[in-house]
């Protein structure tokens, strides 16, 4: 979910996590993504949650490839 820790993205992330779906919370801030992931992981421990940070002004393709390798 790109923008997953913003107002609307947070609601989407919570809904998906509540249903037990695997999600990746992404945006420009790794710390904000991690904070939300920790909160959701405590609330919905059965949902696999990962985080990622992307900067559209940097090499986005390389950033996506690194995420897919993990």
PDB file of N, CA and C in Angstrom:
ATOM      1  N   UNK A   1       0.860  -1.154   0.000  1.00  0.00           N
ATOM      2  CA  UNK A   1       0.000   0.000   0.000  1.00  0.00           C
ATOM      3  C   UNK A   1       0.909   1.220   0.000  1.00  0.00           C
ATOM      4  N   UNK A   2       1.009   1.880  -1.130  1.00  0.00           N
ATOM      5  CA  UNK A   2       1.826   3.082  -1.208  1.00  0.00           C
ATOM      6  C   UNK A   2       1.066   4.210  -0.511  1.00  0.00           C
ATOM      7  N   UNK A   3       1.707   4.871   0.412  1.00  0.00           N
ATOM      8  CA  UNK A   3       1.028   5.858   1.243  1.00  0.00           C
ATOM      9  C   UNK A   3       0.243   5.180   2.356  1.00  0.00           C
ATOM     10  N   UNK A   4       0.706   3.997   2.732  1.00  0.00           N
ATOM     11  CA  UNK A   4      -0.020   3.150   3.673  1.00  0.00           C
ATOM     12  C   UNK A   4      -0.110   3.675   5.085  1.00  0.00           C
ATOM     13  N   UNK A   5       0.672   4.668   5.443  1.00  0.00           N
ATOM     14  CA  UNK A   5       0.593   5.211   6.802  1.00  0.00           C
ATOM     15  C   UNK A   5      -0.100   6.572   6.827  1.00  0.00           C
ATOM     16  N   UNK A   6      -0.585   7.030   5.683  1.00  0.00           N
ATOM     17  CA  UNK A   6      -1.353   8.275   5.634  1.00  0.00           C
ATOM     18  C   UNK A   6      -2.780   8.036   6.124  1.00  0.00           C
ATOM     19  N   UNK A   7      -3.593   9.061   6.081  1.00  0.00           N
ATOM     20  CA  UNK A   7      -4.955   8.949   6.606  1.00  0.00           C
ATOM     21  C   UNK A   7      -5.752   7.828   5.943  1.00  0.00           C
ATOM     22  N   UNK A   8      -5.878   7.859   4.645  1.00  0.00           N
ATOM     23  CA  UNK A   8      -6.666   6.851   3.934  1.00  0.00           C
ATOM     24  C   UNK A   8      -5.935   5.513   3.885  1.00  0.00           C
ATOM     25  N   UNK A   9      -4.638   5.547   3.642  1.00  0.00           N
ATOM     26  CA  UNK A   9      -3.843   4.321   3.574  1.00  0.00           C
ATOM     27  C   UNK A   9      -3.858   3.544   4.880  1.00  0.00           C
ATOM     28  N   UNK A  10      -3.875   4.255   5.986  1.00  0.00           N
ATOM     29  CA  UNK A  10      -3.927   3.630   7.312  1.00  0.00           C
ATOM     30  C   UNK A  10      -5.211   2.817   7.472  1.00  0.00           C
ATOM     31  N   UNK A  11      -6.326   3.350   6.986  1.00  0.00           N
ATOM     32  CA  UNK A  11      -7.598   2.630   7.055  1.00  0.00           C
ATOM     33  C   UNK A  11      -7.578   1.372   6.187  1.00  0.00           C
ATOM     34  N   UNK A  12      -7.001   1.497   5.008  1.00  0.00           N
ATOM     35  CA  UNK A  12      -6.893   0.340   4.111  1.00  0.00           C
ATOM     36  C   UNK A  12      -5.997  -0.720   4.744  1.00  0.00           C
ATOM     37  N   UNK A  13      -4.854  -0.302   5.272  1.00  0.00           N
ATOM     38  CA  UNK A  13      -3.921  -1.245   5.901  1.00  0.00           C
ATOM     39  C   UNK A  13      -4.579  -1.970   7.070  1.00  0.00           C
ATOM     40  N   UNK A  14      -5.307  -1.233   7.896  1.00  0.00           N
ATOM     41  CA  UNK A  14      -5.960  -1.853   9.048  1.00  0.00           C
ATOM     42  C   UNK A  14      -7.024  -2.847   8.606  1.00  0.00           C
ATOM     43  N   UNK A  15      -7.798  -2.493   7.598  1.00  0.00           N
ATOM     44  CA  UNK A  15      -8.828  -3.400   7.098  1.00  0.00           C
ATOM     45  C   UNK A  15      -8.252  -4.680   6.535  1.00  0.00           C
ATOM     46  N   UNK A  16      -7.179  -4.563   5.780  1.00  0.00           N
ATOM     47  CA  UNK A  16      -6.538  -5.750   5.207  1.00  0.00           C
ATOM     48  C   UNK A  16      -5.889  -6.603   6.292  1.00  0.00           C
ATOM     49  N   UNK A  17      -5.238  -5.957   7.235  1.00  0.00           N
ATOM     50  CA  UNK A  17      -4.597  -6.699   8.329  1.00  0.00           C
ATOM     51  C   UNK A  17      -5.640  -7.408   9.190  1.00  0.00           C
ATOM     52  N   UNK A  18      -6.741  -6.748   9.433  1.00  0.00           N
ATOM     53  CA  UNK A  18      -7.817  -7.344  10.237  1.00  0.00           C
ATOM     54  C   UNK A  18      -8.319  -8.632   9.590  1.00  0.00           C
ATOM     55  N   UNK A  19      -8.323  -8.666   8.263  1.00  0.00           N
ATOM     56  CA  UNK A  19      -8.761  -9.857   7.521  1.00  0.00           C
ATOM     57  C   UNK A  19      -7.656 -10.897   7.399  1.00  0.00           C
ATOM     58  N   UNK A  20      -6.472 -10.597   7.926  1.00  0.00           N
ATOM     59  CA  UNK A  20      -5.357 -11.540   7.891  1.00  0.00           C
ATOM     60  C   UNK A  20      -4.557 -11.536   6.606  1.00  0.00           C
ATOM     61  N   UNK A  21      -4.765 -10.523   5.761  1.00  0.00           N
ATOM     62  CA  UNK A  21      -4.035 -10.431   4.497  1.00  0.00           C
ATOM     63  C   UNK A  21      -2.593  -9.995   4.719  1.00  0.00           C
ATOM     64  N   UNK A  22      -1.709 -10.488   3.878  1.00  0.00           N
ATOM     65  CA  UNK A  22      -0.320 -10.035   3.882  1.00  0.00           C
ATOM     66  C   UNK A  22      -0.272  -8.661   3.219  1.00  0.00           C
ATOM     67  N   UNK A  23       0.404  -7.716   3.862  1.00  0.00           N
ATOM     68  CA  UNK A  23       0.491  -6.367   3.303  1.00  0.00           C
ATOM     69  C   UNK A  23       1.910  -5.825   3.420  1.00  0.00           C
ATOM     70  N   UNK A  24       2.185  -4.873   2.556  1.00  0.00           N
ATOM     71  CA  UNK A  24       3.419  -4.097   2.621  1.00  0.00           C
ATOM     72  C   UNK A  24       3.008  -2.637   2.746  1.00  0.00           C
ATOM     73  N   UNK A  25       3.380  -2.023   3.843  1.00  0.00           N
ATOM     74  CA  UNK A  25       3.084  -0.612   4.075  1.00  0.00           C
ATOM     75  C   UNK A  25       4.276   0.177   3.552  1.00  0.00           C
ATOM     76  N   UNK A  26       4.022   1.055   2.588  1.00  0.00           N
ATOM     77  CA  UNK A  26       5.119   1.772   1.946  1.00  0.00           C
ATOM     78  C   UNK A  26       4.828   3.261   1.856  1.00  0.00           C
ATOM     79  N   UNK A  27       5.900   4.020   1.774  1.00  0.00           N
ATOM     80  CA  UNK A  27       5.825   5.466   1.602  1.00  0.00           C
ATOM     81  C   UNK A  27       7.230   6.022   1.635  1.00  0.00           C
ATOM     82  N   UNK A  28       7.345   7.317   1.793  1.00  0.00           N
ATOM     83  CA  UNK A  28       8.670   7.932   1.809  1.00  0.00           C
ATOM     84  C   UNK A  28       9.392   7.760   3.131  1.00  0.00           C
ATOM     85  N   UNK A  29       8.643   7.523   4.203  1.00  0.00           N
ATOM     86  CA  UNK A  29       9.247   7.429   5.534  1.00  0.00           C
ATOM     87  C   UNK A  29       9.243   5.987   6.041  1.00  0.00           C
ATOM     88  N   UNK A  30      10.418   5.405   6.128  1.00  0.00           N
ATOM     89  CA  UNK A  30      10.536   4.049   6.666  1.00  0.00           C
ATOM     90  C   UNK A  30      10.065   4.010   8.113  1.00  0.00           C
ATOM     91  N   UNK A  31      10.380   5.037   8.878  1.00  0.00           N
ATOM     92  CA  UNK A  31      10.018   5.072  10.293  1.00  0.00           C
ATOM     93  C   UNK A  31       8.499   5.098  10.475  1.00  0.00           C
ATOM     94  N   UNK A  32       7.798   5.902   9.701  1.00  0.00           N
ATOM     95  CA  UNK A  32       6.341   5.952   9.817  1.00  0.00           C
ATOM     96  C   UNK A  32       5.708   4.632   9.404  1.00  0.00           C
ATOM     97  N   UNK A  33       6.257   3.999   8.371  1.00  0.00           N
ATOM     98  CA  UNK A  33       5.755   2.692   7.942  1.00  0.00           C
ATOM     99  C   UNK A  33       5.987   1.658   9.039  1.00  0.00           C
ATOM    100  N   UNK A  34       7.168   1.672   9.643  1.00  0.00           N
ATOM    101  CA  UNK A  34       7.483   0.732  10.719  1.00  0.00           C
ATOM    102  C   UNK A  34       6.574   0.925  11.932  1.00  0.00           C
ATOM    103  N   UNK A  35       6.313   2.182  12.280  1.00  0.00           N
ATOM    104  CA  UNK A  35       5.460   2.474  13.432  1.00  0.00           C
ATOM    105  C   UNK A  35       4.057   1.909  13.226  1.00  0.00           C
ATOM    106  N   UNK A  36       3.481   2.133  12.049  1.00  0.00           N
ATOM    107  CA  UNK A  36       2.158   1.598  11.784  1.00  0.00           C
ATOM    108  C   UNK A  36       2.186   0.074  11.740  1.00  0.00           C
ATOM    109  N   UNK A  37       3.215  -0.498  11.127  1.00  0.00           N
ATOM    110  CA  UNK A  37       3.315  -1.956  11.060  1.00  0.00           C
ATOM    111  C   UNK A  37       3.364  -2.571  12.452  1.00  0.00           C
ATOM    112  N   UNK A  38       4.094  -1.967  13.354  1.00  0.00           N
ATOM    113  CA  UNK A  38       4.177  -2.474  14.727  1.00  0.00           C
ATOM    114  C   UNK A  38       2.816  -2.402  15.412  1.00  0.00           C
ATOM    115  N   UNK A  39       2.115  -1.309  15.226  1.00  0.00           N
ATOM    116  CA  UNK A  39       0.793  -1.144  15.817  1.00  0.00           C
ATOM    117  C   UNK A  39      -0.172  -2.200  15.279  1.00  0.00           C
ATOM    118  N   UNK A  40      -0.180  -2.363  13.966  1.00  0.00           N
ATOM    119  CA  UNK A  40      -1.091  -3.336  13.360  1.00  0.00           C
ATOM    120  C   UNK A  40      -0.704  -4.770  13.708  1.00  0.00           C
ATOM    121  N   UNK A  41       0.582  -5.044  13.814  1.00  0.00           N
ATOM    122  CA  UNK A  41       1.036  -6.395  14.169  1.00  0.00           C
ATOM    123  C   UNK A  41       0.595  -6.778  15.575  1.00  0.00           C
ATOM    124  N   UNK A  42       0.598  -5.824  16.468  1.00  0.00           N
ATOM    125  CA  UNK A  42       0.116  -6.105  17.824  1.00  0.00           C
ATOM    126  C   UNK A  42      -1.392  -6.351  17.820  1.00  0.00           C
ATOM    127  N   UNK A  43      -2.102  -5.579  17.028  1.00  0.00           N
ATOM    128  CA  UNK A  43      -3.564  -5.684  16.979  1.00  0.00           C
ATOM    129  C   UNK A  43      -4.017  -6.914  16.189  1.00  0.00           C
ATOM    130  N   UNK A  44      -3.304  -7.232  15.117  1.00  0.00           N
ATOM    131  CA  UNK A  44      -3.673  -8.348  14.233  1.00  0.00           C
ATOM    132  C   UNK A  44      -2.450  -9.247  14.018  1.00  0.00           C
ATOM    133  N   UNK A  45      -2.101 -10.069  15.007  1.00  0.00           N
ATOM    134  CA  UNK A  45      -0.867 -10.854  14.946  1.00  0.00           C
ATOM    135  C   UNK A  45      -0.833 -11.904  13.833  1.00  0.00           C
ATOM    136  N   UNK A  46      -1.965 -12.253  13.253  1.00  0.00           N
ATOM    137  CA  UNK A  46      -1.975 -13.250  12.176  1.00  0.00           C
ATOM    138  C   UNK A  46      -1.718 -12.651  10.799  1.00  0.00           C
ATOM    139  N   UNK A  47      -1.651 -11.350  10.707  1.00  0.00           N
ATOM    140  CA  UNK A  47      -1.434 -10.690   9.421  1.00  0.00           C
ATOM    141  C   UNK A  47       0.059 -10.470   9.182  1.00  0.00           C
ATOM    142  N   UNK A  48       0.608 -11.056   8.113  1.00  0.00           N
ATOM    143  CA  UNK A  48       2.014 -10.792   7.782  1.00  0.00           C
ATOM    144  C   UNK A  48       2.158  -9.363   7.249  1.00  0.00           C
ATOM    145  N   UNK A  49       2.952  -8.558   7.938  1.00  0.00           N
ATOM    146  CA  UNK A  49       3.100  -7.153   7.561  1.00  0.00           C
ATOM    147  C   UNK A  49       4.577  -6.832   7.352  1.00  0.00           C
ATOM    148  N   UNK A  50       4.870  -6.235   6.197  1.00  0.00           N
ATOM    149  CA  UNK A  50       6.213  -5.762   5.879  1.00  0.00           C
ATOM    150  C   UNK A  50       6.137  -4.265   5.640  1.00  0.00           C
ATOM    151  N   UNK A  51       7.287  -3.633   5.591  1.00  0.00           N
ATOM    152  CA  UNK A  51       7.347  -2.204   5.290  1.00  0.00           C
ATOM    153  C   UNK A  51       8.376  -1.945   4.203  1.00  0.00           C
ATOM    154  N   UNK A  52       8.229  -0.805   3.568  1.00  0.00           N
ATOM    155  CA  UNK A  52       9.183  -0.392   2.547  1.00  0.00           C
ATOM    156  C   UNK A  52       9.155   1.127   2.453  1.00  0.00           C
ATOM    157  N   UNK A  53      10.269   1.696   2.049  1.00  0.00           N
ATOM    158  CA  UNK A  53      10.352   3.134   1.810  1.00  0.00           C
ATOM    159  C   UNK A  53      10.730   3.352   0.351  1.00  0.00           C
ATOM    160  N   UNK A  54       9.973   4.206  -0.311  1.00  0.00           N
ATOM    161  CA  UNK A  54      10.231   4.514  -1.713  1.00  0.00           C
ATOM    162  C   UNK A  54      10.311   6.014  -1.897  1.00  0.00           C
ATOM    163  N   UNK A  55      11.232   6.430  -2.724  1.00  0.00           N
ATOM    164  CA  UNK A  55      11.380   7.833  -3.075  1.00  0.00           C
ATOM    165  C   UNK A  55      11.320   7.924  -4.591  1.00  0.00           C
ATOM    166  N   UNK A  56      10.261   8.533  -5.101  1.00  0.00           N
ATOM    167  CA  UNK A  56      10.062   8.631  -6.545  1.00  0.00           C
ATOM    168  C   UNK A  56      11.172   9.422  -7.230  1.00  0.00           C
ATOM    169  N   UNK A  57      11.908  10.227  -6.466  1.00  0.00           N
ATOM    170  CA  UNK A  57      12.992  11.015  -7.045  1.00  0.00           C
ATOM    171  C   UNK A  57      14.299  10.237  -7.126  1.00  0.00           C
ATOM    172  N   UNK A  58      14.300   9.020  -6.629  1.00  0.00           N
ATOM    173  CA  UNK A  58      15.482   8.161  -6.686  1.00  0.00           C
ATOM    174  C   UNK A  58      15.187   7.037  -7.681  1.00  0.00           C
ATOM    175  N   UNK A  59      16.034   6.041  -7.731  1.00  0.00           N
ATOM    176  CA  UNK A  59      15.866   4.929  -8.662  1.00  0.00           C
ATOM    177  C   UNK A  59      14.760   4.000  -8.159  1.00  0.00           C
ATOM    178  N   UNK A  60      13.527   4.266  -8.558  1.00  0.00           N
ATOM    179  CA  UNK A  60      12.375   3.519  -8.074  1.00  0.00           C
ATOM    180  C   UNK A  60      12.449   2.053  -8.480  1.00  0.00           C
ATOM    181  N   UNK A  61      12.892   1.761  -9.689  1.00  0.00           N
ATOM    182  CA  UNK A  61      12.997   0.373 -10.135  1.00  0.00           C
ATOM    183  C   UNK A  61      13.932  -0.419  -9.228  1.00  0.00           C
ATOM    184  N   UNK A  62      15.060   0.145  -8.890  1.00  0.00           N
ATOM    185  CA  UNK A  62      16.003  -0.524  -7.999  1.00  0.00           C
ATOM    186  C   UNK A  62      15.389  -0.754  -6.609  1.00  0.00           C
ATOM    187  N   UNK A  63      14.657   0.223  -6.114  1.00  0.00           N
ATOM    188  CA  UNK A  63      14.015   0.086  -4.817  1.00  0.00           C
ATOM    189  C   UNK A  63      12.987  -1.040  -4.833  1.00  0.00           C
ATOM    190  N   UNK A  64      12.225  -1.158  -5.895  1.00  0.00           N
ATOM    191  CA  UNK A  64      11.238  -2.230  -6.013  1.00  0.00           C
ATOM    192  C   UNK A  64      11.908  -3.599  -6.118  1.00  0.00           C
ATOM    193  N   UNK A  65      12.991  -3.671  -6.859  1.00  0.00           N
ATOM    194  CA  UNK A  65      13.713  -4.943  -6.996  1.00  0.00           C
ATOM    195  C   UNK A  65      14.267  -5.396  -5.659  1.00  0.00           C
ATOM    196  N   UNK A  66      14.777  -4.477  -4.859  1.00  0.00           N
ATOM    197  CA  UNK A  66      15.277  -4.846  -3.531  1.00  0.00           C
ATOM    198  C   UNK A  66      14.148  -5.386  -2.653  1.00  0.00           C
ATOM    199  N   UNK A  67      12.987  -4.782  -2.728  1.00  0.00           N
ATOM    200  CA  UNK A  67      11.850  -5.242  -1.945  1.00  0.00           C
ATOM    201  C   UNK A  67      11.454  -6.654  -2.365  1.00  0.00           C
ATOM    202  N   UNK A  68      11.427  -6.912  -3.641  1.00  0.00           N
ATOM    203  CA  UNK A  68      11.008  -8.225  -4.134  1.00  0.00           C
ATOM    204  C   UNK A  68      12.005  -9.320  -3.778  1.00  0.00           C
ATOM    205  N   UNK A  69      13.259  -8.974  -3.592  1.00  0.00           N
ATOM    206  CA  UNK A  69      14.266  -9.972  -3.198  1.00  0.00           C
ATOM    207  C   UNK A  69      14.070 -10.419  -1.758  1.00  0.00           C
ATOM    208  N   UNK A  70      13.500  -9.547  -0.942  1.00  0.00           N
ATOM    209  CA  UNK A  70      13.283  -9.875   0.479  1.00  0.00           C
ATOM    210  C   UNK A  70      12.009 -10.619   0.568  1.00  0.00           C
TER     211      UNK A  70
END
